[in-house]
Amino acid sequence: MTREEFKSSKIPSEALQSLGAGHIAYVKPMTSEDVNSLFPETPKLEAGLKLWVLLHADGTPILLADSREAAVANAAEQELETVSLH
């Protein structure tokens, strides 16, 4: 494949969403104000808290934690490779 062919090729969004499924989890910082949009069932939290969320490769939430270390430890327990999102 030439460079131009590679640049013009497109991967279907469904294929991108399934990359890493069951193997990769994302660790992302967030504030308590953002929690309810991702975890609607979560009770309202005190404003201004810095939290960490662990997400499956497709964006499905796995865990909400008060430290990055706790989120990464949970991923390790589930044998998931972690990647940071900013």
PDB file of N, CA and C in Angstrom:
ATOM      1  N   MET A   1       0.858  -1.169   0.000  1.00  0.00           N
ATOM      2  CA  MET A   1       0.000   0.000   0.000  1.00  0.00           C
ATOM      3  C   MET A   1       0.904   1.231   0.000  1.00  0.00           C
ATOM      4  N   THR A   2       0.609   2.137  -0.897  1.00  0.00           N
ATOM      5  CA  THR A   2       1.395   3.366  -0.942  1.00  0.00           C
ATOM      6  C   THR A   2       0.948   4.314   0.157  1.00  0.00           C
ATOM      7  N   ARG A   3       1.756   5.308   0.408  1.00  0.00           N
ATOM      8  CA  ARG A   3       1.421   6.301   1.435  1.00  0.00           C
ATOM      9  C   ARG A   3       0.102   7.002   1.107  1.00  0.00           C
ATOM     10  N   GLU A   4      -0.114   7.343  -0.145  1.00  0.00           N
ATOM     11  CA  GLU A   4      -1.347   8.022  -0.547  1.00  0.00           C
ATOM     12  C   GLU A   4      -2.558   7.112  -0.376  1.00  0.00           C
ATOM     13  N   GLU A   5      -2.402   5.833  -0.700  1.00  0.00           N
ATOM     14  CA  GLU A   5      -3.501   4.887  -0.504  1.00  0.00           C
ATOM     15  C   GLU A   5      -3.817   4.744   0.976  1.00  0.00           C
ATOM     16  N   PHE A   6      -2.758   4.683   1.803  1.00  0.00           N
ATOM     17  CA  PHE A   6      -2.962   4.566   3.242  1.00  0.00           C
ATOM     18  C   PHE A   6      -3.684   5.792   3.782  1.00  0.00           C
ATOM     19  N   LYS A   7      -3.277   6.996   3.360  1.00  0.00           N
ATOM     20  CA  LYS A   7      -3.894   8.231   3.852  1.00  0.00           C
ATOM     21  C   LYS A   7      -5.350   8.336   3.436  1.00  0.00           C
ATOM     22  N   SER A   8      -5.715   7.787   2.285  1.00  0.00           N
ATOM     23  CA  SER A   8      -7.093   7.907   1.811  1.00  0.00           C
ATOM     24  C   SER A   8      -7.978   6.751   2.259  1.00  0.00           C
ATOM     25  N   SER A   9      -7.387   5.696   2.829  1.00  0.00           N
ATOM     26  CA  SER A   9      -8.210   4.574   3.278  1.00  0.00           C
ATOM     27  C   SER A   9      -8.957   4.955   4.548  1.00  0.00           C
ATOM     28  N   LYS A  10     -10.136   4.397   4.687  1.00  0.00           N
ATOM     29  CA  LYS A  10     -10.973   4.696   5.847  1.00  0.00           C
ATOM     30  C   LYS A  10     -11.349   3.404   6.546  1.00  0.00           C
ATOM     31  N   ILE A  11     -11.301   3.441   7.860  1.00  0.00           N
ATOM     32  CA  ILE A  11     -11.716   2.301   8.667  1.00  0.00           C
ATOM     33  C   ILE A  11     -13.132   2.586   9.139  1.00  0.00           C
ATOM     34  N   PRO A  12     -14.050   1.661   8.948  1.00  0.00           N
ATOM     35  CA  PRO A  12     -15.433   1.889   9.414  1.00  0.00           C
ATOM     36  C   PRO A  12     -15.451   2.151  10.918  1.00  0.00           C
ATOM     37  N   SER A  13     -16.333   3.047  11.365  1.00  0.00           N
ATOM     38  CA  SER A  13     -16.396   3.391  12.787  1.00  0.00           C
ATOM     39  C   SER A  13     -16.687   2.173  13.655  1.00  0.00           C
ATOM     40  N   GLU A  14     -17.454   1.202  13.134  1.00  0.00           N
ATOM     41  CA  GLU A  14     -17.744  -0.009  13.901  1.00  0.00           C
ATOM     42  C   GLU A  14     -16.462  -0.784  14.191  1.00  0.00           C
ATOM     43  N   ALA A  15     -15.550  -0.812  13.224  1.00  0.00           N
ATOM     44  CA  ALA A  15     -14.275  -1.513  13.413  1.00  0.00           C
ATOM     45  C   ALA A  15     -13.420  -0.784  14.445  1.00  0.00           C
ATOM     46  N   LEU A  16     -13.417   0.534  14.406  1.00  0.00           N
ATOM     47  CA  LEU A  16     -12.653   1.313  15.386  1.00  0.00           C
ATOM     48  C   LEU A  16     -13.190   1.093  16.794  1.00  0.00           C
ATOM     49  N   GLN A  17     -14.506   1.039  16.939  1.00  0.00           N
ATOM     50  CA  GLN A  17     -15.111   0.860  18.253  1.00  0.00           C
ATOM     51  C   GLN A  17     -14.767  -0.496  18.861  1.00  0.00           C
ATOM     52  N   SER A  18     -14.544  -1.492  18.019  1.00  0.00           N
ATOM     53  CA  SER A  18     -14.265  -2.825  18.549  1.00  0.00           C
ATOM     54  C   SER A  18     -12.781  -3.076  18.788  1.00  0.00           C
ATOM     55  N   LEU A  19     -11.913  -2.160  18.355  1.00  0.00           N
ATOM     56  CA  LEU A  19     -10.479  -2.340  18.595  1.00  0.00           C
ATOM     57  C   LEU A  19     -10.207  -2.410  20.094  1.00  0.00           C
ATOM     58  N   GLY A  20      -9.502  -3.403  20.503  1.00  0.00           N
ATOM     59  CA  GLY A  20      -9.139  -3.528  21.909  1.00  0.00           C
ATOM     60  C   GLY A  20     -10.228  -4.061  22.809  1.00  0.00           C
ATOM     61  N   ALA A  21     -11.369  -4.407  22.262  1.00  0.00           N
ATOM     62  CA  ALA A  21     -12.476  -4.901  23.093  1.00  0.00           C
ATOM     63  C   ALA A  21     -12.033  -6.110  23.896  1.00  0.00           C
ATOM     64  N   GLY A  22     -12.231  -6.036  25.202  1.00  0.00           N
ATOM     65  CA  GLY A  22     -11.866  -7.125  26.084  1.00  0.00           C
ATOM     66  C   GLY A  22     -10.399  -7.166  26.463  1.00  0.00           C
ATOM     67  N   HIS A  23      -9.602  -6.228  25.915  1.00  0.00           N
ATOM     68  CA  HIS A  23      -8.167  -6.231  26.176  1.00  0.00           C
ATOM     69  C   HIS A  23      -7.649  -4.888  26.673  1.00  0.00           C
ATOM     70  N   ILE A  24      -8.288  -3.811  26.249  1.00  0.00           N
ATOM     71  CA  ILE A  24      -7.809  -2.465  26.555  1.00  0.00           C
ATOM     72  C   ILE A  24      -8.869  -1.700  27.336  1.00  0.00           C
ATOM     73  N   ALA A  25      -8.405  -0.943  28.320  1.00  0.00           N
ATOM     74  CA  ALA A  25      -9.280  -0.050  29.079  1.00  0.00           C
ATOM     75  C   ALA A  25      -8.612   1.319  29.136  1.00  0.00           C
ATOM     76  N   TYR A  26      -9.409   2.346  29.139  1.00  0.00           N
ATOM     77  CA  TYR A  26      -8.909   3.711  29.192  1.00  0.00           C
ATOM     78  C   TYR A  26      -9.080   4.276  30.591  1.00  0.00           C
ATOM     79  N   VAL A  27      -8.070   4.983  31.049  1.00  0.00           N
ATOM     80  CA  VAL A  27      -8.122   5.668  32.335  1.00  0.00           C
ATOM     81  C   VAL A  27      -8.193   7.158  32.012  1.00  0.00           C
ATOM     82  N   LYS A  28      -9.206   7.817  32.558  1.00  0.00           N
ATOM     83  CA  LYS A  28      -9.437   9.224  32.213  1.00  0.00           C
ATOM     84  C   LYS A  28      -9.767  10.015  33.474  1.00  0.00           C
ATOM     85  N   PRO A  29      -9.105  11.175  33.638  1.00  0.00           N
ATOM     86  CA  PRO A  29      -9.470  12.032  34.772  1.00  0.00           C
ATOM     87  C   PRO A  29     -10.783  12.741  34.480  1.00  0.00           C
ATOM     88  N   MET A  30     -11.544  13.012  35.533  1.00  0.00           N
ATOM     89  CA  MET A  30     -12.771  13.788  35.377  1.00  0.00           C
ATOM     90  C   MET A  30     -13.113  14.445  36.700  1.00  0.00           C
ATOM     91  N   THR A  31     -14.034  15.360  36.660  1.00  0.00           N
ATOM     92  CA  THR A  31     -14.488  16.018  37.882  1.00  0.00           C
ATOM     93  C   THR A  31     -15.848  15.446  38.286  1.00  0.00           C
ATOM     94  N   SER A  32     -16.202  15.687  39.529  1.00  0.00           N
ATOM     95  CA  SER A  32     -17.493  15.185  40.014  1.00  0.00           C
ATOM     96  C   SER A  32     -18.656  15.758  39.217  1.00  0.00           C
ATOM     97  N   GLU A  33     -18.474  16.935  38.666  1.00  0.00           N
ATOM     98  CA  GLU A  33     -19.549  17.541  37.858  1.00  0.00           C
ATOM     99  C   GLU A  33     -19.817  16.748  36.579  1.00  0.00           C
ATOM    100  N   ASP A  34     -18.801  16.050  36.083  1.00  0.00           N
ATOM    101  CA  ASP A  34     -18.948  15.276  34.846  1.00  0.00           C
ATOM    102  C   ASP A  34     -19.466  13.862  35.083  1.00  0.00           C
ATOM    103  N   VAL A  35     -19.460  13.428  36.321  1.00  0.00           N
ATOM    104  CA  VAL A  35     -19.791  12.038  36.635  1.00  0.00           C
ATOM    105  C   VAL A  35     -21.194  11.656  36.195  1.00  0.00           C
ATOM    106  N   ASN A  36     -22.181  12.471  36.473  1.00  0.00           N
ATOM    107  CA  ASN A  36     -23.565  12.090  36.163  1.00  0.00           C
ATOM    108  C   ASN A  36     -23.829  11.898  34.679  1.00  0.00           C
ATOM    109  N   SER A  37     -23.052  12.565  33.826  1.00  0.00           N
ATOM    110  CA  SER A  37     -23.243  12.349  32.393  1.00  0.00           C
ATOM    111  C   SER A  37     -22.754  10.956  31.980  1.00  0.00           C
ATOM    112  N   LEU A  38     -21.736  10.433  32.653  1.00  0.00           N
ATOM    113  CA  LEU A  38     -21.209   9.124  32.321  1.00  0.00           C
ATOM    114  C   LEU A  38     -21.846   8.012  33.148  1.00  0.00           C
ATOM    115  N   PHE A  39     -22.133   8.307  34.412  1.00  0.00           N
ATOM    116  CA  PHE A  39     -22.754   7.356  35.328  1.00  0.00           C
ATOM    117  C   PHE A  39     -24.066   7.948  35.827  1.00  0.00           C
ATOM    118  N   PRO A  40     -25.137   7.918  35.035  1.00  0.00           N
ATOM    119  CA  PRO A  40     -26.390   8.573  35.420  1.00  0.00           C
ATOM    120  C   PRO A  40     -26.993   8.059  36.725  1.00  0.00           C
ATOM    121  N   GLU A  41     -26.697   6.819  37.091  1.00  0.00           N
ATOM    122  CA  GLU A  41     -27.271   6.255  38.310  1.00  0.00           C
ATOM    123  C   GLU A  41     -26.524   6.685  39.571  1.00  0.00           C
ATOM    124  N   THR A  42     -25.399   7.367  39.418  1.00  0.00           N
ATOM    125  CA  THR A  42     -24.598   7.792  40.570  1.00  0.00           C
ATOM    126  C   THR A  42     -25.286   8.932  41.315  1.00  0.00           C
ATOM    127  N   PRO A  43     -25.319   8.866  42.639  1.00  0.00           N
ATOM    128  CA  PRO A  43     -25.868   9.991  43.410  1.00  0.00           C
ATOM    129  C   PRO A  43     -25.048  11.253  43.163  1.00  0.00           C
ATOM    130  N   LYS A  44     -25.668  12.382  43.353  1.00  0.00           N
ATOM    131  CA  LYS A  44     -24.977  13.654  43.152  1.00  0.00           C
ATOM    132  C   LYS A  44     -23.781  13.719  44.106  1.00  0.00           C
ATOM    133  N   LEU A  45     -22.638  14.081  43.547  1.00  0.00           N
ATOM    134  CA  LEU A  45     -21.397  14.163  44.320  1.00  0.00           C
ATOM    135  C   LEU A  45     -21.070  15.608  44.665  1.00  0.00           C
ATOM    136  N   GLU A  46     -20.266  15.778  45.681  1.00  0.00           N
ATOM    137  CA  GLU A  46     -19.779  17.100  46.070  1.00  0.00           C
ATOM    138  C   GLU A  46     -19.043  17.718  44.885  1.00  0.00           C
ATOM    139  N   ALA A  47     -19.306  18.968  44.603  1.00  0.00           N
ATOM    140  CA  ALA A  47     -18.675  19.654  43.477  1.00  0.00           C
ATOM    141  C   ALA A  47     -17.177  19.803  43.704  1.00  0.00           C
ATOM    142  N   GLY A  48     -16.431  19.746  42.602  1.00  0.00           N
ATOM    143  CA  GLY A  48     -15.003  20.002  42.650  1.00  0.00           C
ATOM    144  C   GLY A  48     -14.112  18.810  42.940  1.00  0.00           C
ATOM    145  N   LEU A  49     -14.689  17.617  43.070  1.00  0.00           N
ATOM    146  CA  LEU A  49     -13.868  16.438  43.327  1.00  0.00           C
ATOM    147  C   LEU A  49     -13.142  16.023  42.051  1.00  0.00           C
ATOM    148  N   LYS A  50     -11.884  15.652  42.189  1.00  0.00           N
ATOM    149  CA  LYS A  50     -11.120  15.116  41.062  1.00  0.00           C
ATOM    150  C   LYS A  50     -11.181  13.598  41.151  1.00  0.00           C
ATOM    151  N   LEU A  51     -11.696  12.971  40.091  1.00  0.00           N
ATOM    152  CA  LEU A  51     -11.921  11.527  40.068  1.00  0.00           C
ATOM    153  C   LEU A  51     -11.271  10.920  38.834  1.00  0.00           C
ATOM    154  N   TRP A  52     -11.251   9.597  38.809  1.00  0.00           N
ATOM    155  CA  TRP A  52     -10.725   8.854  37.661  1.00  0.00           C
ATOM    156  C   TRP A  52     -11.768   7.841  37.229  1.00  0.00           C
ATOM    157  N   VAL A  53     -11.926   7.690  35.920  1.00  0.00           N
ATOM    158  CA  VAL A  53     -12.874   6.725  35.387  1.00  0.00           C
ATOM    159  C   VAL A  53     -12.112   5.705  34.553  1.00  0.00           C
ATOM    160  N   LEU A  54     -12.515   4.458  34.675  1.00  0.00           N
ATOM    161  CA  LEU A  54     -11.974   3.369  33.873  1.00  0.00           C
ATOM    162  C   LEU A  54     -13.056   2.985  32.876  1.00  0.00           C
ATOM    163  N   LEU A  55     -12.707   2.981  31.596  1.00  0.00           N
ATOM    164  CA  LEU A  55     -13.662   2.720  30.516  1.00  0.00           C
ATOM    165  C   LEU A  55     -13.189   1.554  29.662  1.00  0.00           C
ATOM    166  N   HIS A  56     -14.135   0.741  29.193  1.00  0.00           N
ATOM    167  CA  HIS A  56     -13.804  -0.277  28.202  1.00  0.00           C
ATOM    168  C   HIS A  56     -13.347   0.437  26.927  1.00  0.00           C
ATOM    169  N   ALA A  57     -12.721  -0.297  26.017  1.00  0.00           N
ATOM    170  CA  ALA A  57     -12.232   0.280  24.758  1.00  0.00           C
ATOM    171  C   ALA A  57     -13.338   0.968  23.964  1.00  0.00           C
ATOM    172  N   ASP A  58     -14.576   0.491  24.105  1.00  0.00           N
ATOM    173  CA  ASP A  58     -15.693   1.096  23.367  1.00  0.00           C
ATOM    174  C   ASP A  58     -16.321   2.281  24.100  1.00  0.00           C
ATOM    175  N   GLY A  59     -15.768   2.629  25.267  1.00  0.00           N
ATOM    176  CA  GLY A  59     -16.277   3.775  26.015  1.00  0.00           C
ATOM    177  C   GLY A  59     -17.260   3.430  27.120  1.00  0.00           C
ATOM    178  N   THR A  60     -17.608   2.174  27.257  1.00  0.00           N
ATOM    179  CA  THR A  60     -18.517   1.750  28.321  1.00  0.00           C
ATOM    180  C   THR A  60     -17.820   1.893  29.674  1.00  0.00           C
ATOM    181  N   PRO A  61     -18.439   2.575  30.635  1.00  0.00           N
ATOM    182  CA  PRO A  61     -17.796   2.756  31.939  1.00  0.00           C
ATOM    183  C   PRO A  61     -17.680   1.450  32.708  1.00  0.00           C
ATOM    184  N   ILE A  62     -16.542   1.308  33.394  1.00  0.00           N
ATOM    185  CA  ILE A  62     -16.291   0.138  34.227  1.00  0.00           C
ATOM    186  C   ILE A  62     -16.292   0.532  35.696  1.00  0.00           C
ATOM    187  N   LEU A  63     -15.578   1.616  36.019  1.00  0.00           N
ATOM    188  CA  LEU A  63     -15.331   1.947  37.411  1.00  0.00           C
ATOM    189  C   LEU A  63     -15.077   3.438  37.567  1.00  0.00           C
ATOM    190  N   LEU A  64     -15.512   3.960  38.685  1.00  0.00           N
ATOM    191  CA  LEU A  64     -15.211   5.336  39.084  1.00  0.00           C
ATOM    192  C   LEU A  64     -14.370   5.241  40.349  1.00  0.00           C
ATOM    193  N   ALA A  65     -13.217   5.922  40.374  1.00  0.00           N
ATOM    194  CA  ALA A  65     -12.308   5.825  41.510  1.00  0.00           C
ATOM    195  C   ALA A  65     -11.817   7.208  41.920  1.00  0.00           C
ATOM    196  N   ASP A  66     -11.290   7.274  43.152  1.00  0.00           N
ATOM    197  CA  ASP A  66     -10.762   8.545  43.637  1.00  0.00           C
ATOM    198  C   ASP A  66      -9.270   8.698  43.358  1.00  0.00           C
ATOM    199  N   SER A  67      -8.650   7.666  42.748  1.00  0.00           N
ATOM    200  CA  SER A  67      -7.240   7.780  42.377  1.00  0.00           C
ATOM    201  C   SER A  67      -6.979   7.015  41.089  1.00  0.00           C
ATOM    202  N   ARG A  68      -5.985   7.466  40.357  1.00  0.00           N
ATOM    203  CA  ARG A  68      -5.590   6.783  39.130  1.00  0.00           C
ATOM    204  C   ARG A  68      -5.117   5.369  39.462  1.00  0.00           C
ATOM    205  N   GLU A  69      -4.387   5.237  40.567  1.00  0.00           N
ATOM    206  CA  GLU A  69      -3.852   3.944  40.968  1.00  0.00           C
ATOM    207  C   GLU A  69      -4.962   2.919  41.188  1.00  0.00           C
ATOM    208  N   ALA A  70      -6.058   3.337  41.791  1.00  0.00           N
ATOM    209  CA  ALA A  70      -7.184   2.419  42.034  1.00  0.00           C
ATOM    210  C   ALA A  70      -7.811   1.971  40.714  1.00  0.00           C
ATOM    211  N   ALA A  71      -7.937   2.898  39.775  1.00  0.00           N
ATOM    212  CA  ALA A  71      -8.507   2.554  38.469  1.00  0.00           C
ATOM    213  C   ALA A  71      -7.599   1.581  37.724  1.00  0.00           C
ATOM    214  N   VAL A  72      -6.297   1.841  37.744  1.00  0.00           N
ATOM    215  CA  VAL A  72      -5.340   0.961  37.068  1.00  0.00           C
ATOM    216  C   VAL A  72      -5.303  -0.413  37.737  1.00  0.00           C
ATOM    217  N   ALA A  73      -5.368  -0.453  39.062  1.00  0.00           N
ATOM    218  CA  ALA A  73      -5.378  -1.734  39.788  1.00  0.00           C
ATOM    219  C   ALA A  73      -6.600  -2.561  39.406  1.00  0.00           C
ATOM    220  N   ASN A  74      -7.757  -1.910  39.279  1.00  0.00           N
ATOM    221  CA  ASN A  74      -8.961  -2.635  38.888  1.00  0.00           C
ATOM    222  C   ASN A  74      -8.805  -3.197  37.484  1.00  0.00           C
ATOM    223  N   ALA A  75      -8.219  -2.420  36.585  1.00  0.00           N
ATOM    224  CA  ALA A  75      -7.991  -2.909  35.220  1.00  0.00           C
ATOM    225  C   ALA A  75      -7.082  -4.130  35.248  1.00  0.00           C
ATOM    226  N   ALA A  76      -6.024  -4.082  36.057  1.00  0.00           N
ATOM    227  CA  ALA A  76      -5.095  -5.213  36.157  1.00  0.00           C
ATOM    228  C   ALA A  76      -5.811  -6.458  36.681  1.00  0.00           C
ATOM    229  N   GLU A  77      -6.697  -6.279  37.655  1.00  0.00           N
ATOM    230  CA  GLU A  77      -7.461  -7.414  38.188  1.00  0.00           C
ATOM    231  C   GLU A  77      -8.319  -8.066  37.104  1.00  0.00           C
ATOM    232  N   GLN A  78      -8.774  -7.249  36.154  1.00  0.00           N
ATOM    233  CA  GLN A  78      -9.603  -7.754  35.066  1.00  0.00           C
ATOM    234  C   GLN A  78      -8.782  -8.112  33.829  1.00  0.00           C
ATOM    235  N   GLU A  79      -7.444  -8.095  33.994  1.00  0.00           N
ATOM    236  CA  GLU A  79      -6.510  -8.425  32.924  1.00  0.00           C
ATOM    237  C   GLU A  79      -6.688  -7.532  31.698  1.00  0.00           C
ATOM    238  N   LEU A  80      -6.887  -6.240  31.949  1.00  0.00           N
ATOM    239  CA  LEU A  80      -7.017  -5.251  30.887  1.00  0.00           C
ATOM    240  C   LEU A  80      -5.758  -4.398  30.835  1.00  0.00           C
ATOM    241  N   GLU A  81      -5.295  -4.090  29.638  1.00  0.00           N
ATOM    242  CA  GLU A  81      -4.177  -3.178  29.450  1.00  0.00           C
ATOM    243  C   GLU A  81      -4.726  -1.762  29.517  1.00  0.00           C
ATOM    244  N   THR A  82      -4.088  -0.889  30.276  1.00  0.00           N
ATOM    245  CA  THR A  82      -4.609   0.475  30.431  1.00  0.00           C
ATOM    246  C   THR A  82      -3.888   1.473  29.534  1.00  0.00           C
ATOM    247  N   VAL A  83      -4.666   2.430  29.048  1.00  0.00           N
ATOM    248  CA  VAL A  83      -4.191   3.531  28.240  1.00  0.00           C
ATOM    249  C   VAL A  83      -4.794   4.792  28.822  1.00  0.00           C
ATOM    250  N   SER A  84      -4.013   5.864  28.928  1.00  0.00           N
ATOM    251  CA  SER A  84      -4.527   7.124  29.489  1.00  0.00           C
ATOM    252  C   SER A  84      -5.186   7.969  28.416  1.00  0.00           C
ATOM    253  N   LEU A  85      -6.271   8.629  28.782  1.00  0.00           N
ATOM    254  CA  LEU A  85      -6.942   9.624  27.939  1.00  0.00           C
ATOM    255  C   LEU A  85      -6.848  10.960  28.624  1.00  0.00           C
ATOM    256  N   HIS A  86      -6.659  11.998  27.844  1.00  0.00           N
ATOM    257  CA  HIS A  86      -6.563  13.351  28.428  1.00  0.00           C
ATOM    258  C   HIS A  86      -7.619  14.259  27.872  1.00  0.00           C
TER     259      HIS A  86
END
